[in-house]
Amino acid sequence: MNETRKSDKTRPESREDRLGKALRANLARRKAQARARADHKEGGQAENSAPESEE
């Protein structure tokens, strides 16, 4: 009758838990990439937006 239960910390994660964690990590990585691209794009446009002198 006395069953030994493993605590939640020692129990392996379920498939859904692992997939959810991977999905959140992927989303965070993609957001960081998008922010980096936007920052780079804005910086590049600022340099090119100045009118060129005509000679």
PDB file of N, CA and C in Angstrom:
ATOM      1  N   MET A   1       0.793  -1.191   0.000  1.00  0.00           N
ATOM      2  CA  MET A   1       0.000   0.000   0.000  1.00  0.00           C
ATOM      3  C   MET A   1       0.841   1.265   0.000  1.00  0.00           C
ATOM      4  N   ASN A   2       2.015   1.176   0.592  1.00  0.00           N
ATOM      5  CA  ASN A   2       2.889   2.344   0.578  1.00  0.00           C
ATOM      6  C   ASN A   2       3.626   2.397  -0.752  1.00  0.00           C
ATOM      7  N   GLU A   3       3.209   3.320  -1.567  1.00  0.00           N
ATOM      8  CA  GLU A   3       3.870   3.481  -2.853  1.00  0.00           C
ATOM      9  C   GLU A   3       4.917   4.570  -2.732  1.00  0.00           C
ATOM     10  N   THR A   4       6.058   4.303  -3.286  1.00  0.00           N
ATOM     11  CA  THR A   4       7.083   5.339  -3.293  1.00  0.00           C
ATOM     12  C   THR A   4       6.899   6.160  -4.559  1.00  0.00           C
ATOM     13  N   ARG A   5       6.630   7.421  -4.373  1.00  0.00           N
ATOM     14  CA  ARG A   5       6.434   8.311  -5.516  1.00  0.00           C
ATOM     15  C   ARG A   5       7.680   9.148  -5.726  1.00  0.00           C
ATOM     16  N   LYS A   6       7.996   9.329  -6.953  1.00  0.00           N
ATOM     17  CA  LYS A   6       9.102  10.213  -7.284  1.00  0.00           C
ATOM     18  C   LYS A   6       8.596  11.644  -7.196  1.00  0.00           C
ATOM     19  N   SER A   7       9.444  12.508  -6.751  1.00  0.00           N
ATOM     20  CA  SER A   7       9.047  13.910  -6.696  1.00  0.00           C
ATOM     21  C   SER A   7       8.961  14.461  -8.120  1.00  0.00           C
ATOM     22  N   ASP A   8       8.309  15.602  -8.262  1.00  0.00           N
ATOM     23  CA  ASP A   8       8.147  16.204  -9.587  1.00  0.00           C
ATOM     24  C   ASP A   8       9.491  16.552 -10.221  1.00  0.00           C
ATOM     25  N   LYS A   9      10.481  16.841  -9.399  1.00  0.00           N
ATOM     26  CA  LYS A   9      11.779  17.235  -9.939  1.00  0.00           C
ATOM     27  C   LYS A   9      12.529  16.053 -10.523  1.00  0.00           C
ATOM     28  N   THR A  10      12.302  14.867 -10.029  1.00  0.00           N
ATOM     29  CA  THR A  10      13.022  13.706 -10.542  1.00  0.00           C
ATOM     30  C   THR A  10      12.253  13.019 -11.665  1.00  0.00           C
ATOM     31  N   ARG A  11      10.978  13.326 -11.798  1.00  0.00           N
ATOM     32  CA  ARG A  11      10.180  12.726 -12.864  1.00  0.00           C
ATOM     33  C   ARG A  11      10.561  13.352 -14.205  1.00  0.00           C
ATOM     34  N   PRO A  12      10.762  12.543 -15.229  1.00  0.00           N
ATOM     35  CA  PRO A  12      11.106  13.124 -16.529  1.00  0.00           C
ATOM     36  C   PRO A  12       9.946  13.967 -17.073  1.00  0.00           C
ATOM     37  N   GLU A  13      10.324  14.982 -17.841  1.00  0.00           N
ATOM     38  CA  GLU A  13       9.309  15.867 -18.414  1.00  0.00           C
ATOM     39  C   GLU A  13       8.473  15.124 -19.450  1.00  0.00           C
ATOM     40  N   SER A  14       7.238  15.510 -19.549  1.00  0.00           N
ATOM     41  CA  SER A  14       6.392  14.895 -20.565  1.00  0.00           C
ATOM     42  C   SER A  14       6.753  15.476 -21.930  1.00  0.00           C
ATOM     43  N   ARG A  15       6.306  14.838 -22.946  1.00  0.00           N
ATOM     44  CA  ARG A  15       6.584  15.283 -24.316  1.00  0.00           C
ATOM     45  C   ARG A  15       6.035  16.687 -24.536  1.00  0.00           C
ATOM     46  N   GLU A  16       4.826  16.940 -24.033  1.00  0.00           N
ATOM     47  CA  GLU A  16       4.209  18.260 -24.199  1.00  0.00           C
ATOM     48  C   GLU A  16       5.012  19.333 -23.494  1.00  0.00           C
ATOM     49  N   ASP A  17       5.535  19.025 -22.305  1.00  0.00           N
ATOM     50  CA  ASP A  17       6.357  19.988 -21.585  1.00  0.00           C
ATOM     51  C   ASP A  17       7.623  20.322 -22.369  1.00  0.00           C
ATOM     52  N   ARG A  18       8.273  19.272 -22.894  1.00  0.00           N
ATOM     53  CA  ARG A  18       9.503  19.496 -23.666  1.00  0.00           C
ATOM     54  C   ARG A  18       9.221  20.304 -24.927  1.00  0.00           C
ATOM     55  N   LEU A  19       8.140  19.964 -25.622  1.00  0.00           N
ATOM     56  CA  LEU A  19       7.807  20.690 -26.845  1.00  0.00           C
ATOM     57  C   LEU A  19       7.447  22.142 -26.553  1.00  0.00           C
ATOM     58  N   GLY A  20       6.726  22.377 -25.477  1.00  0.00           N
ATOM     59  CA  GLY A  20       6.369  23.736 -25.095  1.00  0.00           C
ATOM     60  C   GLY A  20       7.593  24.570 -24.776  1.00  0.00           C
ATOM     61  N   LYS A  21       8.525  23.965 -24.059  1.00  0.00           N
ATOM     62  CA  LYS A  21       9.758  24.667 -23.711  1.00  0.00           C
ATOM     63  C   LYS A  21      10.570  24.983 -24.971  1.00  0.00           C
ATOM     64  N   ALA A  22      10.648  24.027 -25.882  1.00  0.00           N
ATOM     65  CA  ALA A  22      11.382  24.238 -27.130  1.00  0.00           C
ATOM     66  C   ALA A  22      10.715  25.318 -27.979  1.00  0.00           C
ATOM     67  N   LEU A  23       9.397  25.329 -27.989  1.00  0.00           N
ATOM     68  CA  LEU A  23       8.665  26.330 -28.755  1.00  0.00           C
ATOM     69  C   LEU A  23       8.918  27.730 -28.210  1.00  0.00           C
ATOM     70  N   ARG A  24       8.889  27.876 -26.888  1.00  0.00           N
ATOM     71  CA  ARG A  24       9.166  29.188 -26.281  1.00  0.00           C
ATOM     72  C   ARG A  24      10.593  29.641 -26.561  1.00  0.00           C
ATOM     73  N   ALA A  25      11.547  28.725 -26.502  1.00  0.00           N
ATOM     74  CA  ALA A  25      12.942  29.062 -26.782  1.00  0.00           C
ATOM     75  C   ALA A  25      13.112  29.481 -28.237  1.00  0.00           C
ATOM     76  N   ASN A  26      12.438  28.776 -29.140  1.00  0.00           N
ATOM     77  CA  ASN A  26      12.502  29.097 -30.561  1.00  0.00           C
ATOM     78  C   ASN A  26      11.896  30.475 -30.823  1.00  0.00           C
ATOM     79  N   LEU A  27      10.778  30.764 -30.193  1.00  0.00           N
ATOM     80  CA  LEU A  27      10.130  32.060 -30.368  1.00  0.00           C
ATOM     81  C   LEU A  27      11.031  33.186 -29.859  1.00  0.00           C
ATOM     82  N   ALA A  28      11.651  32.996 -28.722  1.00  0.00           N
ATOM     83  CA  ALA A  28      12.551  34.008 -28.168  1.00  0.00           C
ATOM     84  C   ALA A  28      13.738  34.235 -29.100  1.00  0.00           C
ATOM     85  N   ARG A  29      14.280  33.154 -29.660  1.00  0.00           N
ATOM     86  CA  ARG A  29      15.413  33.276 -30.584  1.00  0.00           C
ATOM     87  C   ARG A  29      15.016  34.023 -31.846  1.00  0.00           C
ATOM     88  N   ARG A  30      13.839  33.714 -32.391  1.00  0.00           N
ATOM     89  CA  ARG A  30      13.375  34.385 -33.610  1.00  0.00           C
ATOM     90  C   ARG A  30      13.096  35.863 -33.368  1.00  0.00           C
ATOM     91  N   LYS A  31      12.552  36.197 -32.178  1.00  0.00           N
ATOM     92  CA  LYS A  31      12.313  37.601 -31.845  1.00  0.00           C
ATOM     93  C   LYS A  31      13.633  38.357 -31.753  1.00  0.00           C
ATOM     94  N   ALA A  32      14.628  37.738 -31.148  1.00  0.00           N
ATOM     95  CA  ALA A  32      15.943  38.374 -31.022  1.00  0.00           C
ATOM     96  C   ALA A  32      16.560  38.592 -32.403  1.00  0.00           C
ATOM     97  N   GLN A  33      16.410  37.620 -33.290  1.00  0.00           N
ATOM     98  CA  GLN A  33      16.929  37.771 -34.648  1.00  0.00           C
ATOM     99  C   GLN A  33      16.215  38.892 -35.378  1.00  0.00           C
ATOM    100  N   ALA A  34      14.905  38.980 -35.226  1.00  0.00           N
ATOM    101  CA  ALA A  34      14.130  40.030 -35.894  1.00  0.00           C
ATOM    102  C   ALA A  34      14.536  41.407 -35.368  1.00  0.00           C
ATOM    103  N   ARG A  35      14.743  41.511 -34.049  1.00  0.00           N
ATOM    104  CA  ARG A  35      15.182  42.797 -33.479  1.00  0.00           C
ATOM    105  C   ARG A  35      16.550  43.183 -34.024  1.00  0.00           C
ATOM    106  N   ALA A  36      17.461  42.223 -34.118  1.00  0.00           N
ATOM    107  CA  ALA A  36      18.800  42.500 -34.617  1.00  0.00           C
ATOM    108  C   ALA A  36      18.740  42.944 -36.078  1.00  0.00           C
ATOM    109  N   ARG A  37      17.904  42.287 -36.874  1.00  0.00           N
ATOM    110  CA  ARG A  37      17.762  42.687 -38.277  1.00  0.00           C
ATOM    111  C   ARG A  37      17.181  44.085 -38.400  1.00  0.00           C
ATOM    112  N   ALA A  38      16.187  44.393 -37.576  1.00  0.00           N
ATOM    113  CA  ALA A  38      15.551  45.714 -37.627  1.00  0.00           C
ATOM    114  C   ALA A  38      16.553  46.784 -37.218  1.00  0.00           C
ATOM    115  N   ASP A  39      17.338  46.531 -36.190  1.00  0.00           N
ATOM    116  CA  ASP A  39      18.351  47.495 -35.760  1.00  0.00           C
ATOM    117  C   ASP A  39      19.392  47.702 -36.851  1.00  0.00           C
ATOM    118  N   HIS A  40      19.811  46.627 -37.472  1.00  0.00           N
ATOM    119  CA  HIS A  40      20.806  46.721 -38.537  1.00  0.00           C
ATOM    120  C   HIS A  40      20.241  47.470 -39.743  1.00  0.00           C
ATOM    121  N   LYS A  41      18.999  47.174 -40.073  1.00  0.00           N
ATOM    122  CA  LYS A  41      18.354  47.808 -41.220  1.00  0.00           C
ATOM    123  C   LYS A  41      18.188  49.311 -40.982  1.00  0.00           C
ATOM    124  N   GLU A  42      17.765  49.703 -39.789  1.00  0.00           N
ATOM    125  CA  GLU A  42      17.595  51.119 -39.468  1.00  0.00           C
ATOM    126  C   GLU A  42      18.934  51.843 -39.518  1.00  0.00           C
ATOM    127  N   GLY A  43      19.971  51.226 -39.019  1.00  0.00           N
ATOM    128  CA  GLY A  43      21.303  51.829 -39.046  1.00  0.00           C
ATOM    129  C   GLY A  43      21.806  52.007 -40.466  1.00  0.00           C
ATOM    130  N   GLY A  44      21.569  51.040 -41.316  1.00  0.00           N
ATOM    131  CA  GLY A  44      21.995  51.111 -42.714  1.00  0.00           C
ATOM    132  C   GLY A  44      21.233  52.170 -43.479  1.00  0.00           C
ATOM    133  N   GLN A  45      19.946  52.340 -43.207  1.00  0.00           N
ATOM    134  CA  GLN A  45      19.153  53.350 -43.905  1.00  0.00           C
ATOM    135  C   GLN A  45      19.548  54.748 -43.481  1.00  0.00           C
ATOM    136  N   ALA A  46      19.933  54.931 -42.232  1.00  0.00           N
ATOM    137  CA  ALA A  46      20.309  56.249 -41.743  1.00  0.00           C
ATOM    138  C   ALA A  46      21.566  56.732 -42.470  1.00  0.00           C
ATOM    139  N   GLU A  47      22.485  55.823 -42.745  1.00  0.00           N
ATOM    140  CA  GLU A  47      23.708  56.196 -43.446  1.00  0.00           C
ATOM    141  C   GLU A  47      23.423  56.513 -44.912  1.00  0.00           C
ATOM    142  N   ASN A  48      22.503  55.798 -45.522  1.00  0.00           N
ATOM    143  CA  ASN A  48      22.206  55.975 -46.934  1.00  0.00           C
ATOM    144  C   ASN A  48      21.157  57.039 -47.193  1.00  0.00           C
ATOM    145  N   SER A  49      20.493  57.538 -46.170  1.00  0.00           N
ATOM    146  CA  SER A  49      19.412  58.481 -46.391  1.00  0.00           C
ATOM    147  C   SER A  49      19.918  59.905 -46.618  1.00  0.00           C
ATOM    148  N   ALA A  50      21.168  60.169 -46.298  1.00  0.00           N
ATOM    149  CA  ALA A  50      21.716  61.514 -46.540  1.00  0.00           C
ATOM    150  C   ALA A  50      21.865  61.737 -48.033  1.00  0.00           C
ATOM    151  N   PRO A  51      21.478  62.915 -48.514  1.00  0.00           N
ATOM    152  CA  PRO A  51      21.608  63.163 -49.957  1.00  0.00           C
ATOM    153  C   PRO A  51      23.074  63.218 -50.362  1.00  0.00           C
ATOM    154  N   GLU A  52      23.330  62.666 -51.523  1.00  0.00           N
ATOM    155  CA  GLU A  52      24.688  62.672 -52.033  1.00  0.00           C
ATOM    156  C   GLU A  52      24.973  64.003 -52.698  1.00  0.00           C
ATOM    157  N   SER A  53      26.200  64.461 -52.576  1.00  0.00           N
ATOM    158  CA  SER A  53      26.541  65.731 -53.220  1.00  0.00           C
ATOM    159  C   SER A  53      26.732  65.504 -54.716  1.00  0.00           C
ATOM    160  N   GLU A  54      26.216  66.445 -55.491  1.00  0.00           N
ATOM    161  CA  GLU A  54      26.335  66.319 -56.948  1.00  0.00           C
ATOM    162  C   GLU A  54      27.561  67.104 -57.381  1.00  0.00           C
ATOM    163  N   GLU A  55      28.423  66.476 -58.141  1.00  0.00           N
ATOM    164  CA  GLU A  55      29.627  67.162 -58.610  1.00  0.00           C
ATOM    165  C   GLU A  55      29.627  67.311 -60.083  1.00  0.00           C
TER     166      GLU A  55
END
